[in-house]
Amino acid sequence: EILNNLKKEKDLNEMKSRFVSMASHEFRTPLSTILSSLSLINKYNELGNKEKQIKHINRIKSSVNSLNSILNDFLSLEQLESGKEVVNNKNFNLFDCCTTCIEEMSLQTKQAQIINHQSVNSKANVFLDENLLKKILLNLLSNAIKYSPESKPIKVVSQINKKHIIITISD
């Protein structure tokens, strides 16, 4: 039993190390975007180009949201490991939840990149932890945006059948 617990502890530490490494890499991208956008805003302010200023302000907002999401992922992992993560199931509309997440992530899309949402019987209420589902959707959408080429659509299909809720994100 002690050897089994030791192995579990080693596996957990290895997973934490990989997560910290990945997260530090993930922090660098939005921070670089924020710094470059601030420099460009300053430049465009001198030139009086309001439209480009707004574009870069939106990039900063998007990057800050991305950093916030990464921090929330850290907190979620820590809560899961400590047993503090509490599932708060409630009734909510699946389609509306997906739509809200898509609208939030649309601010982070690349040029000419769109997110299409198709519903297959998903306009009904479901009984789940809405916040947990949102974290999952935002993470998957963020990855799809990040790793898809410009002008390539991202497709989200939400579906409810008799036994399952199925959400597919493809890029």
N, C-alpha and C. Protein backbone atom coordinates (compact mmCIF):
# COMPACT_ATOMS: atom_id res chain seq x y z
N GLU A 1 0.83 -1.19 0.00
CA GLU A 1 0.00 0.00 0.00
C GLU A 1 0.87 1.26 0.00
N ILE A 2 1.96 1.22 0.77
CA ILE A 2 2.88 2.37 0.82
C ILE A 2 3.51 2.59 -0.54
N LEU A 3 3.94 1.51 -1.19
CA LEU A 3 4.54 1.63 -2.53
C LEU A 3 3.53 2.18 -3.54
N ASN A 4 2.30 1.74 -3.43
CA ASN A 4 1.25 2.22 -4.31
C ASN A 4 1.01 3.72 -4.10
N ASN A 5 0.96 4.15 -2.86
CA ASN A 5 0.80 5.58 -2.55
C ASN A 5 1.99 6.40 -3.02
N LEU A 6 3.18 5.84 -2.90
CA LEU A 6 4.39 6.53 -3.36
C LEU A 6 4.34 6.72 -4.87
N LYS A 7 3.93 5.69 -5.59
CA LYS A 7 3.81 5.79 -7.04
C LYS A 7 2.78 6.86 -7.43
N LYS A 8 1.65 6.88 -6.74
CA LYS A 8 0.62 7.88 -7.01
C LYS A 8 1.17 9.29 -6.76
N GLU A 9 1.91 9.44 -5.68
CA GLU A 9 2.50 10.75 -5.35
C GLU A 9 3.50 11.19 -6.41
N LYS A 10 4.33 10.25 -6.88
CA LYS A 10 5.29 10.57 -7.94
C LYS A 10 4.58 10.97 -9.22
N ASP A 11 3.53 10.22 -9.58
CA ASP A 11 2.75 10.54 -10.78
C ASP A 11 2.12 11.92 -10.66
N LEU A 12 1.59 12.22 -9.48
CA LEU A 12 0.97 13.52 -9.25
C LEU A 12 2.00 14.65 -9.37
N ASN A 13 3.17 14.46 -8.80
CA ASN A 13 4.23 15.47 -8.89
C ASN A 13 4.69 15.67 -10.33
N GLU A 14 4.77 14.59 -11.07
CA GLU A 14 5.15 14.70 -12.49
C GLU A 14 4.08 15.47 -13.26
N MET A 15 2.83 15.19 -12.98
CA MET A 15 1.74 15.89 -13.65
C MET A 15 1.78 17.38 -13.29
N LYS A 16 2.03 17.70 -12.03
CA LYS A 16 2.13 19.10 -11.61
C LYS A 16 3.27 19.81 -12.34
N SER A 17 4.41 19.14 -12.46
CA SER A 17 5.55 19.74 -13.14
C SER A 17 5.23 20.04 -14.60
N ARG A 18 4.59 19.10 -15.26
CA ARG A 18 4.20 19.32 -16.66
C ARG A 18 3.21 20.47 -16.77
N PHE A 19 2.27 20.53 -15.84
CA PHE A 19 1.27 21.58 -15.85
C PHE A 19 1.91 22.95 -15.65
N VAL A 20 2.82 23.06 -14.69
CA VAL A 20 3.50 24.33 -14.43
C VAL A 20 4.31 24.76 -15.65
N SER A 21 4.99 23.82 -16.28
CA SER A 21 5.77 24.13 -17.47
C SER A 21 4.86 24.63 -18.59
N MET A 22 3.75 23.94 -18.80
CA MET A 22 2.81 24.33 -19.85
C MET A 22 2.20 25.70 -19.53
N ALA A 23 1.82 25.91 -18.28
CA ALA A 23 1.19 27.16 -17.89
C ALA A 23 2.14 28.34 -18.06
N SER A 24 3.41 28.16 -17.70
CA SER A 24 4.36 29.27 -17.85
C SER A 24 4.52 29.63 -19.33
N HIS A 25 4.50 28.61 -20.18
CA HIS A 25 4.55 28.87 -21.62
C HIS A 25 3.28 29.62 -22.06
N GLU A 26 2.14 29.19 -21.54
CA GLU A 26 0.87 29.81 -21.90
C GLU A 26 0.79 31.27 -21.43
N PHE A 27 1.44 31.61 -20.33
CA PHE A 27 1.45 32.99 -19.84
C PHE A 27 2.25 33.91 -20.77
N ARG A 28 3.32 33.38 -21.34
CA ARG A 28 4.19 34.23 -22.16
C ARG A 28 3.49 34.81 -23.38
N THR A 29 2.65 34.01 -24.04
CA THR A 29 1.99 34.48 -25.27
C THR A 29 1.08 35.68 -25.01
N PRO A 30 0.13 35.59 -24.06
CA PRO A 30 -0.70 36.77 -23.85
C PRO A 30 0.07 37.97 -23.31
N LEU A 31 1.08 37.73 -22.48
CA LEU A 31 1.87 38.85 -21.98
C LEU A 31 2.63 39.55 -23.11
N SER A 32 3.16 38.80 -24.04
CA SER A 32 3.83 39.39 -25.21
C SER A 32 2.84 40.19 -26.05
N THR A 33 1.65 39.65 -26.21
CA THR A 33 0.61 40.35 -26.97
C THR A 33 0.25 41.67 -26.29
N ILE A 34 0.12 41.64 -24.99
CA ILE A 34 -0.21 42.87 -24.24
C ILE A 34 0.88 43.92 -24.42
N LEU A 35 2.13 43.51 -24.26
CA LEU A 35 3.23 44.47 -24.40
C LEU A 35 3.32 45.06 -25.80
N SER A 36 3.20 44.21 -26.81
CA SER A 36 3.29 44.73 -28.18
C SER A 36 2.09 45.62 -28.51
N SER A 37 0.92 45.25 -28.03
CA SER A 37 -0.27 46.07 -28.29
C SER A 37 -0.18 47.42 -27.61
N LEU A 38 0.36 47.45 -26.39
CA LEU A 38 0.53 48.73 -25.70
C LEU A 38 1.49 49.65 -26.47
N SER A 39 2.55 49.07 -27.00
CA SER A 39 3.49 49.86 -27.80
C SER A 39 2.81 50.40 -29.05
N LEU A 40 2.02 49.56 -29.69
CA LEU A 40 1.33 49.99 -30.92
C LEU A 40 0.25 51.03 -30.62
N ILE A 41 -0.43 50.90 -29.50
CA ILE A 41 -1.44 51.90 -29.12
C ILE A 41 -0.77 53.25 -28.96
N ASN A 42 0.37 53.26 -28.30
CA ASN A 42 1.12 54.50 -28.12
C ASN A 42 1.50 55.10 -29.48
N LYS A 43 1.96 54.25 -30.39
CA LYS A 43 2.34 54.71 -31.73
C LYS A 43 1.13 55.27 -32.47
N TYR A 44 0.02 54.52 -32.45
CA TYR A 44 -1.18 54.96 -33.17
C TYR A 44 -1.80 56.19 -32.52
N ASN A 45 -1.58 56.40 -31.23
CA ASN A 45 -2.07 57.59 -30.57
C ASN A 45 -1.36 58.82 -31.14
N GLU A 46 -0.04 58.68 -31.37
CA GLU A 46 0.73 59.79 -31.94
C GLU A 46 0.28 60.09 -33.36
N LEU A 47 -0.15 59.04 -34.10
CA LEU A 47 -0.59 59.22 -35.48
C LEU A 47 -2.08 59.56 -35.57
N GLY A 48 -2.79 59.48 -34.45
CA GLY A 48 -4.22 59.80 -34.45
C GLY A 48 -5.09 58.72 -35.09
N ASN A 49 -4.65 57.46 -35.08
CA ASN A 49 -5.39 56.38 -35.70
C ASN A 49 -6.22 55.63 -34.64
N LYS A 50 -7.45 56.11 -34.44
CA LYS A 50 -8.33 55.58 -33.39
C LYS A 50 -8.74 54.13 -33.66
N GLU A 51 -9.00 53.79 -34.93
CA GLU A 51 -9.45 52.44 -35.27
C GLU A 51 -8.42 51.38 -34.89
N LYS A 52 -7.16 51.64 -35.18
CA LYS A 52 -6.11 50.68 -34.84
C LYS A 52 -5.88 50.64 -33.33
N GLN A 53 -6.08 51.76 -32.65
CA GLN A 53 -5.98 51.77 -31.20
C GLN A 53 -7.02 50.83 -30.59
N ILE A 54 -8.24 50.93 -31.05
CA ILE A 54 -9.33 50.09 -30.54
C ILE A 54 -9.04 48.62 -30.81
N LYS A 55 -8.50 48.32 -31.97
CA LYS A 55 -8.15 46.93 -32.30
C LYS A 55 -7.16 46.38 -31.27
N HIS A 56 -6.16 47.15 -30.93
CA HIS A 56 -5.14 46.69 -29.99
C HIS A 56 -5.64 46.70 -28.54
N ILE A 57 -6.53 47.59 -28.22
CA ILE A 57 -7.16 47.56 -26.89
C ILE A 57 -7.95 46.27 -26.74
N ASN A 58 -8.66 45.85 -27.79
CA ASN A 58 -9.41 44.60 -27.76
C ASN A 58 -8.47 43.39 -27.64
N ARG A 59 -7.29 43.46 -28.28
CA ARG A 59 -6.31 42.38 -28.14
C ARG A 59 -5.82 42.29 -26.69
N ILE A 60 -5.63 43.43 -26.06
CA ILE A 60 -5.20 43.43 -24.66
C ILE A 60 -6.29 42.82 -23.78
N LYS A 61 -7.53 43.22 -23.99
CA LYS A 61 -8.63 42.66 -23.22
C LYS A 61 -8.69 41.14 -23.39
N SER A 62 -8.54 40.70 -24.62
CA SER A 62 -8.58 39.27 -24.91
C SER A 62 -7.44 38.53 -24.21
N SER A 63 -6.26 39.12 -24.23
CA SER A 63 -5.10 38.49 -23.58
C SER A 63 -5.26 38.45 -22.08
N VAL A 64 -5.83 39.50 -21.50
CA VAL A 64 -6.07 39.51 -20.07
C VAL A 64 -7.09 38.41 -19.72
N ASN A 65 -8.12 38.26 -20.53
CA ASN A 65 -9.09 37.17 -20.31
C ASN A 65 -8.41 35.81 -20.40
N SER A 66 -7.48 35.69 -21.32
CA SER A 66 -6.74 34.43 -21.47
C SER A 66 -5.92 34.14 -20.22
N LEU A 67 -5.23 35.15 -19.70
CA LEU A 67 -4.46 34.98 -18.47
C LEU A 67 -5.37 34.61 -17.30
N ASN A 68 -6.51 35.25 -17.23
CA ASN A 68 -7.47 34.96 -16.18
C ASN A 68 -7.94 33.50 -16.27
N SER A 69 -8.15 33.04 -17.48
CA SER A 69 -8.55 31.65 -17.69
C SER A 69 -7.47 30.68 -17.23
N ILE A 70 -6.22 31.00 -17.52
CA ILE A 70 -5.11 30.14 -17.09
C ILE A 70 -5.05 30.10 -15.56
N LEU A 71 -5.21 31.25 -14.93
CA LEU A 71 -5.22 31.29 -13.47
C LEU A 71 -6.38 30.47 -12.90
N ASN A 72 -7.53 30.55 -13.54
CA ASN A 72 -8.67 29.75 -13.08
C ASN A 72 -8.39 28.26 -13.23
N ASP A 73 -7.67 27.90 -14.30
CA ASP A 73 -7.28 26.49 -14.48
C ASP A 73 -6.38 26.04 -13.34
N PHE A 74 -5.43 26.89 -12.94
CA PHE A 74 -4.57 26.58 -11.79
C PHE A 74 -5.41 26.33 -10.55
N LEU A 75 -6.35 27.24 -10.30
CA LEU A 75 -7.19 27.12 -9.12
C LEU A 75 -8.04 25.86 -9.17
N SER A 76 -8.57 25.54 -10.34
CA SER A 76 -9.40 24.34 -10.48
C SER A 76 -8.59 23.09 -10.21
N LEU A 77 -7.38 23.03 -10.74
CA LEU A 77 -6.53 21.86 -10.51
C LEU A 77 -6.22 21.72 -9.03
N GLU A 78 -5.88 22.84 -8.41
CA GLU A 78 -5.56 22.81 -6.97
C GLU A 78 -6.77 22.37 -6.16
N GLN A 79 -7.95 22.86 -6.53
CA GLN A 79 -9.16 22.48 -5.80
C GLN A 79 -9.48 21.01 -5.98
N LEU A 80 -9.29 20.50 -7.20
CA LEU A 80 -9.53 19.08 -7.45
C LEU A 80 -8.59 18.22 -6.62
N GLU A 81 -7.31 18.59 -6.59
CA GLU A 81 -6.32 17.81 -5.86
C GLU A 81 -6.58 17.83 -4.36
N SER A 82 -7.05 18.96 -3.85
CA SER A 82 -7.26 19.06 -2.41
C SER A 82 -8.64 18.57 -2.00
N GLY A 83 -9.45 18.18 -3.00
CA GLY A 83 -10.80 17.71 -2.70
C GLY A 83 -11.77 18.82 -2.40
N LYS A 84 -11.39 20.07 -2.71
CA LYS A 84 -12.25 21.21 -2.41
C LYS A 84 -13.20 21.55 -3.56
N GLU A 85 -12.96 20.98 -4.73
CA GLU A 85 -13.82 21.27 -5.88
C GLU A 85 -15.21 20.70 -5.59
N VAL A 86 -16.19 21.55 -5.59
CA VAL A 86 -17.55 21.15 -5.30
C VAL A 86 -18.35 21.27 -6.59
N VAL A 87 -19.05 20.22 -6.92
CA VAL A 87 -19.89 20.24 -8.12
C VAL A 87 -21.22 20.87 -7.74
N ASN A 88 -21.59 21.90 -8.49
CA ASN A 88 -22.84 22.62 -8.24
C ASN A 88 -23.76 22.43 -9.45
N ASN A 89 -24.42 21.30 -9.50
CA ASN A 89 -25.35 21.03 -10.60
C ASN A 89 -26.58 21.91 -10.48
N LYS A 90 -27.06 22.35 -11.62
CA LYS A 90 -28.30 23.13 -11.67
C LYS A 90 -28.86 23.01 -13.08
N ASN A 91 -30.09 23.42 -13.24
CA ASN A 91 -30.72 23.43 -14.57
C ASN A 91 -30.31 24.68 -15.31
N PHE A 92 -29.88 24.51 -16.56
CA PHE A 92 -29.58 25.65 -17.43
C PHE A 92 -29.74 25.21 -18.87
N ASN A 93 -29.84 26.17 -19.75
CA ASN A 93 -30.03 25.90 -21.17
C ASN A 93 -28.67 25.65 -21.82
N LEU A 94 -28.48 24.46 -22.38
CA LEU A 94 -27.19 24.09 -22.98
C LEU A 94 -26.84 24.99 -24.16
N PHE A 95 -27.79 25.25 -25.02
CA PHE A 95 -27.54 26.09 -26.20
C PHE A 95 -27.09 27.49 -25.78
N ASP A 96 -27.78 28.07 -24.80
CA ASP A 96 -27.42 29.41 -24.33
C ASP A 96 -26.02 29.43 -23.71
N CYS A 97 -25.69 28.37 -22.98
CA CYS A 97 -24.36 28.27 -22.36
C CYS A 97 -23.28 28.23 -23.44
N CYS A 98 -23.49 27.39 -24.46
CA CYS A 98 -22.52 27.30 -25.56
C CYS A 98 -22.40 28.63 -26.29
N THR A 99 -23.54 29.27 -26.54
CA THR A 99 -23.55 30.56 -27.24
C THR A 99 -22.78 31.62 -26.46
N THR A 100 -22.97 31.66 -25.16
CA THR A 100 -22.25 32.62 -24.31
C THR A 100 -20.74 32.41 -24.40
N CYS A 101 -20.30 31.17 -24.34
CA CYS A 101 -18.87 30.86 -24.43
C CYS A 101 -18.32 31.24 -25.79
N ILE A 102 -19.07 30.96 -26.84
CA ILE A 102 -18.63 31.29 -28.20
C ILE A 102 -18.51 32.80 -28.37
N GLU A 103 -19.48 33.54 -27.86
CA GLU A 103 -19.42 35.01 -27.94
C GLU A 103 -18.20 35.55 -27.21
N GLU A 104 -17.92 35.00 -26.03
CA GLU A 104 -16.76 35.45 -25.26
C GLU A 104 -15.46 35.16 -26.01
N MET A 105 -15.36 33.99 -26.60
CA MET A 105 -14.12 33.60 -27.29
C MET A 105 -14.00 34.25 -28.66
N SER A 106 -15.09 34.76 -29.21
CA SER A 106 -15.04 35.41 -30.52
C SER A 106 -14.13 36.64 -30.50
N LEU A 107 -13.94 37.21 -29.30
CA LEU A 107 -13.04 38.35 -29.18
C LEU A 107 -11.59 37.94 -29.41
N GLN A 108 -11.28 36.66 -29.28
CA GLN A 108 -9.91 36.19 -29.41
C GLN A 108 -9.61 35.58 -30.78
N THR A 109 -10.61 35.51 -31.66
CA THR A 109 -10.38 34.87 -32.95
C THR A 109 -9.39 35.67 -33.79
N LYS A 110 -8.74 34.93 -34.68
CA LYS A 110 -7.80 35.56 -35.62
C LYS A 110 -8.59 36.22 -36.74
N GLN A 111 -7.87 36.94 -37.57
CA GLN A 111 -8.52 37.65 -38.67
C GLN A 111 -9.27 36.67 -39.57
N ALA A 112 -10.52 36.98 -39.85
CA ALA A 112 -11.40 36.18 -40.72
C ALA A 112 -11.69 34.79 -40.16
N GLN A 113 -11.41 34.57 -38.91
CA GLN A 113 -11.70 33.27 -38.28
C GLN A 113 -13.06 33.39 -37.59
N ILE A 114 -13.96 32.46 -37.90
CA ILE A 114 -15.28 32.51 -37.30
C ILE A 114 -15.58 31.20 -36.57
N ILE A 115 -16.49 31.30 -35.59
CA ILE A 115 -16.93 30.12 -34.86
C ILE A 115 -18.39 29.91 -35.20
N ASN A 116 -18.69 28.77 -35.82
CA ASN A 116 -20.07 28.41 -36.17
C ASN A 116 -20.62 27.47 -35.11
N HIS A 117 -21.88 27.69 -34.74
CA HIS A 117 -22.51 26.85 -33.73
C HIS A 117 -23.75 26.20 -34.33
N GLN A 118 -23.77 24.89 -34.26
CA GLN A 118 -24.92 24.13 -34.74
C GLN A 118 -25.55 23.40 -33.56
N SER A 119 -26.86 23.46 -33.47
CA SER A 119 -27.57 22.82 -32.37
C SER A 119 -28.36 21.62 -32.89
N VAL A 120 -28.21 20.49 -32.20
CA VAL A 120 -29.02 19.31 -32.50
C VAL A 120 -29.78 18.98 -31.21
N ASN A 121 -31.00 19.44 -31.13
CA ASN A 121 -31.84 19.24 -29.94
C ASN A 121 -31.18 19.76 -28.67
N SER A 122 -30.38 20.79 -28.76
CA SER A 122 -29.65 21.25 -27.57
C SER A 122 -30.23 22.53 -26.96
N LYS A 123 -31.45 22.86 -27.32
CA LYS A 123 -32.04 24.08 -26.76
C LYS A 123 -32.84 23.80 -25.49
N ALA A 124 -32.72 22.60 -24.98
CA ALA A 124 -33.40 22.21 -23.75
C ALA A 124 -32.50 22.48 -22.55
N ASN A 125 -33.07 22.39 -21.37
CA ASN A 125 -32.29 22.54 -20.15
C ASN A 125 -31.60 21.22 -19.81
N VAL A 126 -30.45 21.35 -19.18
CA VAL A 126 -29.70 20.19 -18.70
C VAL A 126 -29.41 20.42 -17.22
N PHE A 127 -29.04 19.36 -16.53
CA PHE A 127 -28.73 19.44 -15.10
C PHE A 127 -27.26 19.08 -14.91
N LEU A 128 -26.42 20.12 -14.87
CA LEU A 128 -24.96 19.96 -14.78
C LEU A 128 -24.39 21.11 -13.96
N ASP A 129 -23.07 21.06 -13.78
CA ASP A 129 -22.34 22.18 -13.21
C ASP A 129 -22.01 23.12 -14.37
N GLU A 130 -22.75 24.20 -14.49
CA GLU A 130 -22.58 25.12 -15.61
C GLU A 130 -21.19 25.75 -15.64
N ASN A 131 -20.66 26.13 -14.48
CA ASN A 131 -19.34 26.77 -14.44
C ASN A 131 -18.25 25.81 -14.91
N LEU A 132 -18.35 24.54 -14.52
CA LEU A 132 -17.37 23.56 -14.95
C LEU A 132 -17.46 23.34 -16.46
N LEU A 133 -18.67 23.26 -16.98
CA LEU A 133 -18.85 23.11 -18.43
C LEU A 133 -18.28 24.32 -19.18
N LYS A 134 -18.51 25.51 -18.65
CA LYS A 134 -17.98 26.72 -19.29
C LYS A 134 -16.45 26.70 -19.32
N LYS A 135 -15.83 26.27 -18.22
CA LYS A 135 -14.37 26.19 -18.19
C LYS A 135 -13.86 25.25 -19.28
N ILE A 136 -14.53 24.13 -19.42
CA ILE A 136 -14.13 23.15 -20.43
C ILE A 136 -14.29 23.74 -21.83
N LEU A 137 -15.46 24.33 -22.09
CA LEU A 137 -15.72 24.91 -23.43
C LEU A 137 -14.74 26.03 -23.76
N LEU A 138 -14.49 26.92 -22.80
CA LEU A 138 -13.58 28.03 -23.04
C LEU A 138 -12.16 27.53 -23.32
N ASN A 139 -11.75 26.49 -22.61
CA ASN A 139 -10.43 25.92 -22.83
C ASN A 139 -10.34 25.31 -24.23
N LEU A 140 -11.33 24.52 -24.62
CA LEU A 140 -11.32 23.89 -25.94
C LEU A 140 -11.40 24.92 -27.06
N LEU A 141 -12.25 25.93 -26.89
CA LEU A 141 -12.35 26.98 -27.90
C LEU A 141 -11.05 27.78 -28.00
N SER A 142 -10.44 28.06 -26.87
CA SER A 142 -9.17 28.77 -26.87
C SER A 142 -8.11 28.00 -27.65
N ASN A 143 -8.04 26.70 -27.42
CA ASN A 143 -7.08 25.87 -28.16
C ASN A 143 -7.39 25.84 -29.65
N ALA A 144 -8.67 25.73 -30.00
CA ALA A 144 -9.05 25.71 -31.41
C ALA A 144 -8.66 27.02 -32.10
N ILE A 145 -8.88 28.13 -31.43
CA ILE A 145 -8.52 29.43 -31.99
C ILE A 145 -7.01 29.55 -32.13
N LYS A 146 -6.31 29.15 -31.10
CA LYS A 146 -4.87 29.29 -31.06
C LYS A 146 -4.18 28.44 -32.13
N TYR A 147 -4.67 27.23 -32.35
CA TYR A 147 -3.95 26.29 -33.22
C TYR A 147 -4.57 26.13 -34.61
N SER A 148 -5.61 26.92 -34.92
CA SER A 148 -6.20 26.89 -36.25
C SER A 148 -5.65 28.04 -37.08
N PRO A 149 -5.50 27.82 -38.37
CA PRO A 149 -5.02 28.92 -39.22
C PRO A 149 -6.07 30.03 -39.35
N GLU A 150 -5.58 31.20 -39.72
CA GLU A 150 -6.50 32.32 -39.98
C GLU A 150 -7.47 31.92 -41.09
N SER A 151 -8.63 32.48 -41.04
CA SER A 151 -9.71 32.31 -42.02
C SER A 151 -10.24 30.88 -42.10
N LYS A 152 -9.85 30.01 -41.19
CA LYS A 152 -10.41 28.66 -41.14
C LYS A 152 -11.48 28.63 -40.05
N PRO A 153 -12.69 28.17 -40.40
CA PRO A 153 -13.76 28.18 -39.40
C PRO A 153 -13.57 27.12 -38.31
N ILE A 154 -14.15 27.43 -37.18
CA ILE A 154 -14.20 26.50 -36.05
C ILE A 154 -15.67 26.13 -35.89
N LYS A 155 -15.94 24.85 -35.79
CA LYS A 155 -17.33 24.38 -35.73
C LYS A 155 -17.63 23.80 -34.35
N VAL A 156 -18.72 24.28 -33.76
CA VAL A 156 -19.19 23.77 -32.48
C VAL A 156 -20.56 23.15 -32.72
N VAL A 157 -20.70 21.89 -32.32
CA VAL A 157 -21.99 21.21 -32.42
C VAL A 157 -22.40 20.78 -31.02
N SER A 158 -23.55 21.27 -30.56
CA SER A 158 -24.06 20.85 -29.25
C SER A 158 -25.29 19.98 -29.50
N GLN A 159 -25.34 18.87 -28.76
CA GLN A 159 -26.37 17.89 -29.01
C GLN A 159 -26.82 17.23 -27.71
N ILE A 160 -28.12 17.01 -27.60
CA ILE A 160 -28.67 16.27 -26.48
C ILE A 160 -29.46 15.10 -27.05
N ASN A 161 -29.12 13.89 -26.60
CA ASN A 161 -29.94 12.73 -26.96
C ASN A 161 -30.50 12.13 -25.68
N LYS A 162 -31.08 10.97 -25.75
CA LYS A 162 -31.76 10.39 -24.58
C LYS A 162 -30.83 10.14 -23.41
N LYS A 163 -29.56 9.81 -23.68
CA LYS A 163 -28.65 9.43 -22.61
C LYS A 163 -27.46 10.37 -22.41
N HIS A 164 -27.15 11.19 -23.42
CA HIS A 164 -25.91 11.95 -23.37
C HIS A 164 -26.08 13.39 -23.83
N ILE A 165 -25.13 14.17 -23.39
CA ILE A 165 -24.93 15.52 -23.93
C ILE A 165 -23.61 15.43 -24.69
N ILE A 166 -23.63 15.83 -25.95
CA ILE A 166 -22.42 15.73 -26.76
C ILE A 166 -22.11 17.13 -27.31
N ILE A 167 -20.89 17.57 -27.05
CA ILE A 167 -20.43 18.84 -27.60
C ILE A 167 -19.16 18.54 -28.37
N THR A 168 -19.16 18.87 -29.65
CA THR A 168 -18.02 18.62 -30.51
C THR A 168 -17.46 19.95 -30.99
N ILE A 169 -16.17 20.13 -30.83
CA ILE A 169 -15.51 21.32 -31.35
C ILE A 169 -14.46 20.84 -32.34
N SER A 170 -14.60 21.28 -33.58
CA SER A 170 -13.65 20.85 -34.60
C SER A 170 -13.09 22.05 -35.33
N ASP A 171 -11.84 21.94 -35.70
CA ASP A 171 -11.16 23.03 -36.42
C ASP A 171 -10.35 22.45 -37.56
